[in-house]
PDB file of N, CA and C in Angstrom:
ATOM      1  N   UNK A   1      19.773 -11.578  11.107  1.00  0.00           N
ATOM      2  CA  UNK A   1      18.468 -10.288  10.375  1.00  0.00           C
ATOM      3  C   UNK A   1      18.100 -10.847   9.223  1.00  0.00           C
ATOM      4  N   UNK A   2      16.309 -10.365   9.877  1.00  0.00           N
ATOM      5  CA  UNK A   2      15.719 -11.155   8.753  1.00  0.00           C
ATOM      6  C   UNK A   2      15.273 -11.154   7.582  1.00  0.00           C
ATOM      7  N   UNK A   3      14.906 -11.810   6.270  1.00  0.00           N
ATOM      8  CA  UNK A   3      15.085 -11.657   5.035  1.00  0.00           C
ATOM      9  C   UNK A   3      14.050 -10.731   4.866  1.00  0.00           C
ATOM     10  N   UNK A   4      14.496 -10.279   3.558  1.00  0.00           N
ATOM     11  CA  UNK A   4      13.254  -9.379   2.740  1.00  0.00           C
ATOM     12  C   UNK A   4      12.102 -10.021   2.958  1.00  0.00           C
ATOM     13  N   UNK A   5      11.399 -11.504   2.458  1.00  0.00           N
ATOM     14  CA  UNK A   5      10.865 -12.686   2.226  1.00  0.00           C
ATOM     15  C   UNK A   5      10.221 -12.126   4.149  1.00  0.00           C
ATOM     16  N   UNK A   6      10.789 -13.054   4.881  1.00  0.00           N
ATOM     17  CA  UNK A   6      10.510 -12.836   5.923  1.00  0.00           C
ATOM     18  C   UNK A   6      10.008 -11.471   6.609  1.00  0.00           C
ATOM     19  N   UNK A   7       9.926 -10.349   6.629  1.00  0.00           N
ATOM     20  CA  UNK A   7       9.695  -9.443   6.791  1.00  0.00           C
ATOM     21  C   UNK A   7       8.731  -8.583   6.324  1.00  0.00           C
ATOM     22  N   UNK A   8       8.487  -9.437   5.006  1.00  0.00           N
ATOM     23  CA  UNK A   8       6.717  -9.487   4.366  1.00  0.00           C
ATOM     24  C   UNK A   8       6.401 -10.131   5.332  1.00  0.00           C
ATOM     25  N   UNK A   9       6.427 -11.783   4.886  1.00  0.00           N
ATOM     26  CA  UNK A   9       5.403 -11.882   5.694  1.00  0.00           C
ATOM     27  C   UNK A   9       5.059 -11.684   6.990  1.00  0.00           C
ATOM     28  N   UNK A  10       5.542 -11.291   8.033  1.00  0.00           N
ATOM     29  CA  UNK A  10       5.269 -10.854   9.231  1.00  0.00           C
ATOM     30  C   UNK A  10       4.778  -9.938   9.225  1.00  0.00           C
ATOM     31  N   UNK A  11       4.351  -8.690   8.441  1.00  0.00           N
ATOM     32  CA  UNK A  11       4.188  -8.158   8.053  1.00  0.00           C
ATOM     33  C   UNK A  11       2.403  -8.239   7.577  1.00  0.00           C
ATOM     34  N   UNK A  12       2.512  -9.245   6.571  1.00  0.00           N
ATOM     35  CA  UNK A  12       1.340  -9.452   6.201  1.00  0.00           C
ATOM     36  C   UNK A  12       0.679 -10.627   6.928  1.00  0.00           C
ATOM     37  N   UNK A  13       1.340 -10.978   7.933  1.00  0.00           N
ATOM     38  CA  UNK A  13       0.868 -12.149   9.062  1.00  0.00           C
ATOM     39  C   UNK A  13       0.409 -11.302  10.432  1.00  0.00           C
ATOM     40  N   UNK A  14       0.511 -10.121  10.871  1.00  0.00           N
ATOM     41  CA  UNK A  14      -0.142  -9.419  11.431  1.00  0.00           C
ATOM     42  C   UNK A  14      -1.104  -8.224  11.040  1.00  0.00           C
ATOM     43  N   UNK A  15      -1.593  -8.381   9.481  1.00  0.00           N
ATOM     44  CA  UNK A  15      -3.086  -7.632   9.122  1.00  0.00           C
ATOM     45  C   UNK A  15      -4.207  -8.042   8.772  1.00  0.00           C
ATOM     46  N   UNK A  16      -4.817  -8.035   9.504  1.00  0.00           N
ATOM     47  CA  UNK A  16      -6.012  -9.022   8.788  1.00  0.00           C
ATOM     48  C   UNK A  16      -6.411  -8.644   7.924  1.00  0.00           C
ATOM     49  N   UNK A  17      -6.658  -8.026   7.538  1.00  0.00           N
ATOM     50  CA  UNK A  17      -7.007  -7.636   6.121  1.00  0.00           C
ATOM     51  C   UNK A  17      -6.180  -6.545   4.911  1.00  0.00           C
ATOM     52  N   UNK A  18      -5.798  -6.724   3.837  1.00  0.00           N
ATOM     53  CA  UNK A  18      -5.076  -5.958   2.810  1.00  0.00           C
ATOM     54  C   UNK A  18      -6.682  -5.425   1.707  1.00  0.00           C
ATOM     55  N   UNK A  19      -6.526  -3.678   1.985  1.00  0.00           N
ATOM     56  CA  UNK A  19      -6.949  -3.160   0.725  1.00  0.00           C
ATOM     57  C   UNK A  19      -6.470  -3.307  -0.063  1.00  0.00           C
ATOM     58  N   UNK A  20      -7.453  -2.630  -0.964  1.00  0.00           N
ATOM     59  CA  UNK A  20      -7.302  -3.125  -2.247  1.00  0.00           C
ATOM     60  C   UNK A  20      -7.989  -1.672  -3.129  1.00  0.00           C
ATOM     61  N   UNK A  21      -6.565  -1.125  -3.238  1.00  0.00           N
ATOM     62  CA  UNK A  21      -7.544   0.621  -3.680  1.00  0.00           C
ATOM     63  C   UNK A  21      -7.341   0.828  -5.498  1.00  0.00           C
ATOM     64  N   UNK A  22      -8.191   1.367  -5.793  1.00  0.00           N
ATOM     65  CA  UNK A  22      -8.479   1.669  -6.765  1.00  0.00           C
ATOM     66  C   UNK A  22      -8.084   3.612  -7.503  1.00  0.00           C
ATOM     67  N   UNK A  23      -6.841   4.269  -7.575  1.00  0.00           N
ATOM     68  CA  UNK A  23      -6.519   5.353  -7.172  1.00  0.00           C
ATOM     69  C   UNK A  23      -7.083   5.781  -8.453  1.00  0.00           C
ATOM     70  N   UNK A  24      -7.238   6.893  -8.282  1.00  0.00           N
ATOM     71  CA  UNK A  24      -8.350   7.862  -9.678  1.00  0.00           C
ATOM     72  C   UNK A  24      -7.920   8.797  -9.426  1.00  0.00           C
ATOM     73  N   UNK A  25      -6.912   9.784  -8.537  1.00  0.00           N
ATOM     74  CA  UNK A  25      -5.810  10.697  -8.636  1.00  0.00           C
ATOM     75  C   UNK A  25      -4.977  10.166  -7.687  1.00  0.00           C
ATOM     76  N   UNK A  26      -3.766  10.160  -8.192  1.00  0.00           N
ATOM     77  CA  UNK A  26      -3.025  10.625  -7.822  1.00  0.00           C
ATOM     78  C   UNK A  26      -2.581  11.005  -6.697  1.00  0.00           C
ATOM     79  N   UNK A  27      -3.004  12.481  -6.623  1.00  0.00           N
ATOM     80  CA  UNK A  27      -3.120  13.181  -5.488  1.00  0.00           C
ATOM     81  C   UNK A  27      -3.154  12.698  -4.144  1.00  0.00           C
ATOM     82  N   UNK A  28      -4.394  11.601  -4.366  1.00  0.00           N
ATOM     83  CA  UNK A  28      -4.753  10.979  -3.326  1.00  0.00           C
ATOM     84  C   UNK A  28      -3.543   9.960  -2.474  1.00  0.00           C
ATOM     85  N   UNK A  29      -3.104   9.351  -3.657  1.00  0.00           N
ATOM     86  CA  UNK A  29      -1.803   8.348  -2.717  1.00  0.00           C
ATOM     87  C   UNK A  29      -1.642   8.213  -1.756  1.00  0.00           C
ATOM     88  N   UNK A  30      -1.036   9.253  -1.796  1.00  0.00           N
ATOM     89  CA  UNK A  30      -0.319   9.423   0.020  1.00  0.00           C
ATOM     90  C   UNK A  30      -1.068   9.751   1.003  1.00  0.00           C
ATOM     91  N   UNK A  31      -1.685  10.478   0.594  1.00  0.00           N
ATOM     92  CA  UNK A  31      -2.634  10.399   2.267  1.00  0.00           C
ATOM     93  C   UNK A  31      -3.964   9.888   2.323  1.00  0.00           C
ATOM     94  N   UNK A  32      -3.975   9.039   0.874  1.00  0.00           N
ATOM     95  CA  UNK A  32      -4.373   7.518   1.343  1.00  0.00           C
ATOM     96  C   UNK A  32      -3.977   6.779   1.871  1.00  0.00           C
ATOM     97  N   UNK A  33      -2.492   6.501   1.406  1.00  0.00           N
ATOM     98  CA  UNK A  33      -1.563   4.635   2.121  1.00  0.00           C
ATOM     99  C   UNK A  33      -1.424   5.763   3.404  1.00  0.00           C
ATOM    100  N   UNK A  34      -1.246   6.977   3.954  1.00  0.00           N
ATOM    101  CA  UNK A  34      -0.832   7.429   5.575  1.00  0.00           C
ATOM    102  C   UNK A  34      -1.680   6.822   6.374  1.00  0.00           C
ATOM    103  N   UNK A  35      -2.607   7.590   6.167  1.00  0.00           N
ATOM    104  CA  UNK A  35      -4.749   7.051   6.777  1.00  0.00           C
ATOM    105  C   UNK A  35      -4.347   5.694   7.176  1.00  0.00           C
ATOM    106  N   UNK A  36      -4.375   5.349   6.142  1.00  0.00           N
ATOM    107  CA  UNK A  36      -4.542   3.498   6.406  1.00  0.00           C
ATOM    108  C   UNK A  36      -3.501   2.991   7.293  1.00  0.00           C
ATOM    109  N   UNK A  37      -2.237   3.387   7.060  1.00  0.00           N
ATOM    110  CA  UNK A  37      -1.056   2.931   7.601  1.00  0.00           C
ATOM    111  C   UNK A  37      -1.388   3.699   9.192  1.00  0.00           C
ATOM    112  N   UNK A  38      -1.800   4.736   9.334  1.00  0.00           N
ATOM    113  CA  UNK A  38      -1.965   5.104  10.857  1.00  0.00           C
ATOM    114  C   UNK A  38      -3.377   4.397  11.709  1.00  0.00           C
ATOM    115  N   UNK A  39      -4.039   3.948  10.632  1.00  0.00           N
ATOM    116  CA  UNK A  39      -5.046   3.318  11.297  1.00  0.00           C
ATOM    117  C   UNK A  39      -4.746   1.643  11.312  1.00  0.00           C
ATOM    118  N   UNK A  40      -3.723   1.481  10.974  1.00  0.00           N
ATOM    119  CA  UNK A  40      -3.132  -0.290  11.265  1.00  0.00           C
ATOM    120  C   UNK A  40      -2.960  -1.045  10.578  1.00  0.00           C
ATOM    121  N   UNK A  41      -3.624  -0.259   9.160  1.00  0.00           N
ATOM    122  CA  UNK A  41      -3.517  -1.299   8.082  1.00  0.00           C
ATOM    123  C   UNK A  41      -2.423  -0.160   6.875  1.00  0.00           C
ATOM    124  N   UNK A  42      -1.295  -1.009   7.571  1.00  0.00           N
ATOM    125  CA  UNK A  42       0.443  -0.690   6.549  1.00  0.00           C
ATOM    126  C   UNK A  42       0.289  -1.362   5.429  1.00  0.00           C
ATOM    127  N   UNK A  43      -0.238  -2.556   4.858  1.00  0.00           N
ATOM    128  CA  UNK A  43       0.247  -3.104   3.340  1.00  0.00           C
ATOM    129  C   UNK A  43      -0.997  -2.474   2.782  1.00  0.00           C
ATOM    130  N   UNK A  44      -0.809  -2.000   1.665  1.00  0.00           N
ATOM    131  CA  UNK A  44      -2.024  -1.965   0.583  1.00  0.00           C
ATOM    132  C   UNK A  44      -1.773  -2.775  -0.870  1.00  0.00           C
ATOM    133  N   UNK A  45      -2.673  -2.886  -1.518  1.00  0.00           N
ATOM    134  CA  UNK A  45      -2.202  -3.220  -2.844  1.00  0.00           C
ATOM    135  C   UNK A  45      -3.347  -1.891  -4.019  1.00  0.00           C
ATOM    136  N   UNK A  46      -2.954  -1.449  -4.897  1.00  0.00           N
ATOM    137  CA  UNK A  46      -3.320  -0.614  -5.510  1.00  0.00           C
ATOM    138  C   UNK A  46      -3.052  -1.097  -6.698  1.00  0.00           C
ATOM    139  N   UNK A  47      -4.416  -1.004  -7.389  1.00  0.00           N
ATOM    140  CA  UNK A  47      -4.577  -1.724  -8.580  1.00  0.00           C
ATOM    141  C   UNK A  47      -4.422  -1.175  -9.861  1.00  0.00           C
ATOM    142  N   UNK A  48      -4.162  -1.483 -10.928  1.00  0.00           N
ATOM    143  CA  UNK A  48      -3.812  -0.992 -12.248  1.00  0.00           C
ATOM    144  C   UNK A  48      -4.815  -1.453 -13.363  1.00  0.00           C
ATOM    145  N   UNK A  49      -5.815  -0.344 -12.502  1.00  0.00           N
ATOM    146  CA  UNK A  49      -6.435  -0.187 -13.355  1.00  0.00           C
ATOM    147  C   UNK A  49      -7.163   0.830 -14.001  1.00  0.00           C
ATOM    148  N   UNK A  50      -6.259   2.264 -13.248  1.00  0.00           N
ATOM    149  CA  UNK A  50      -6.364   3.503 -13.969  1.00  0.00           C
ATOM    150  C   UNK A  50      -4.773   3.643 -14.411  1.00  0.00           C
ATOM    151  N   UNK A  51      -4.968   4.649 -15.255  1.00  0.00           N
ATOM    152  CA  UNK A  51      -4.120   5.582 -15.845  1.00  0.00           C
ATOM    153  C   UNK A  51      -2.871   6.053 -15.013  1.00  0.00           C
ATOM    154  N   UNK A  52      -3.287   6.835 -13.705  1.00  0.00           N
ATOM    155  CA  UNK A  52      -2.069   7.299 -12.804  1.00  0.00           C
ATOM    156  C   UNK A  52      -1.818   5.849 -11.998  1.00  0.00           C
ATOM    157  N   UNK A  53      -2.658   4.048 -11.872  1.00  0.00           N
ATOM    158  CA  UNK A  53      -2.049   3.856 -11.044  1.00  0.00           C
ATOM    159  C   UNK A  53      -0.183   3.822 -10.818  1.00  0.00           C
ATOM    160  N   UNK A  54       0.567   3.709 -11.383  1.00  0.00           N
ATOM    161  CA  UNK A  54       2.049   3.015 -11.400  1.00  0.00           C
ATOM    162  C   UNK A  54       2.664   3.969 -11.207  1.00  0.00           C
ATOM    163  N   UNK A  55       2.435   5.373 -11.125  1.00  0.00           N
ATOM    164  CA  UNK A  55       2.643   6.983 -10.495  1.00  0.00           C
ATOM    165  C   UNK A  55       1.775   6.430  -9.051  1.00  0.00           C
ATOM    166  N   UNK A  56       1.397   6.338  -9.008  1.00  0.00           N
ATOM    167  CA  UNK A  56       0.672   6.033  -7.393  1.00  0.00           C
ATOM    168  C   UNK A  56       1.298   5.580  -6.845  1.00  0.00           C
ATOM    169  N   UNK A  57       1.729   3.852  -7.283  1.00  0.00           N
ATOM    170  CA  UNK A  57       2.730   3.439  -6.466  1.00  0.00           C
ATOM    171  C   UNK A  57       3.898   3.862  -6.095  1.00  0.00           C
ATOM    172  N   UNK A  58       4.528   4.216  -6.951  1.00  0.00           N
ATOM    173  CA  UNK A  58       5.808   5.471  -6.887  1.00  0.00           C
ATOM    174  C   UNK A  58       5.775   6.045  -5.806  1.00  0.00           C
ATOM    175  N   UNK A  59       4.792   6.505  -5.744  1.00  0.00           N
ATOM    176  CA  UNK A  59       4.681   7.705  -4.505  1.00  0.00           C
ATOM    177  C   UNK A  59       4.915   7.268  -3.521  1.00  0.00           C
ATOM    178  N   UNK A  60       3.771   6.442  -3.035  1.00  0.00           N
ATOM    179  CA  UNK A  60       3.503   5.575  -1.758  1.00  0.00           C
ATOM    180  C   UNK A  60       4.989   4.624  -1.369  1.00  0.00           C
ATOM    181  N   UNK A  61       6.051   4.256  -2.410  1.00  0.00           N
ATOM    182  CA  UNK A  61       6.801   3.564  -2.364  1.00  0.00           C
ATOM    183  C   UNK A  61       8.107   4.755  -2.175  1.00  0.00           C
ATOM    184  N   UNK A  62       8.032   6.037  -2.818  1.00  0.00           N
ATOM    185  CA  UNK A  62       8.721   6.795  -2.529  1.00  0.00           C
ATOM    186  C   UNK A  62       8.825   7.275  -1.381  1.00  0.00           C
TER     187      UNK A  62
END
């Protein structure tokens, strides 16, 4: 069984770009992450530049 690191590397190697998101409205986080995943970009980076960033990460991860 692949390790977590191996799974992550496989995911990142199979994706041409990593979208970097600045979430201004936490309600947009999950729909945006789902849309990106459906479009072939399942790995994203959410910046910590807004007050709601950590909550956005929690919701997307949950």
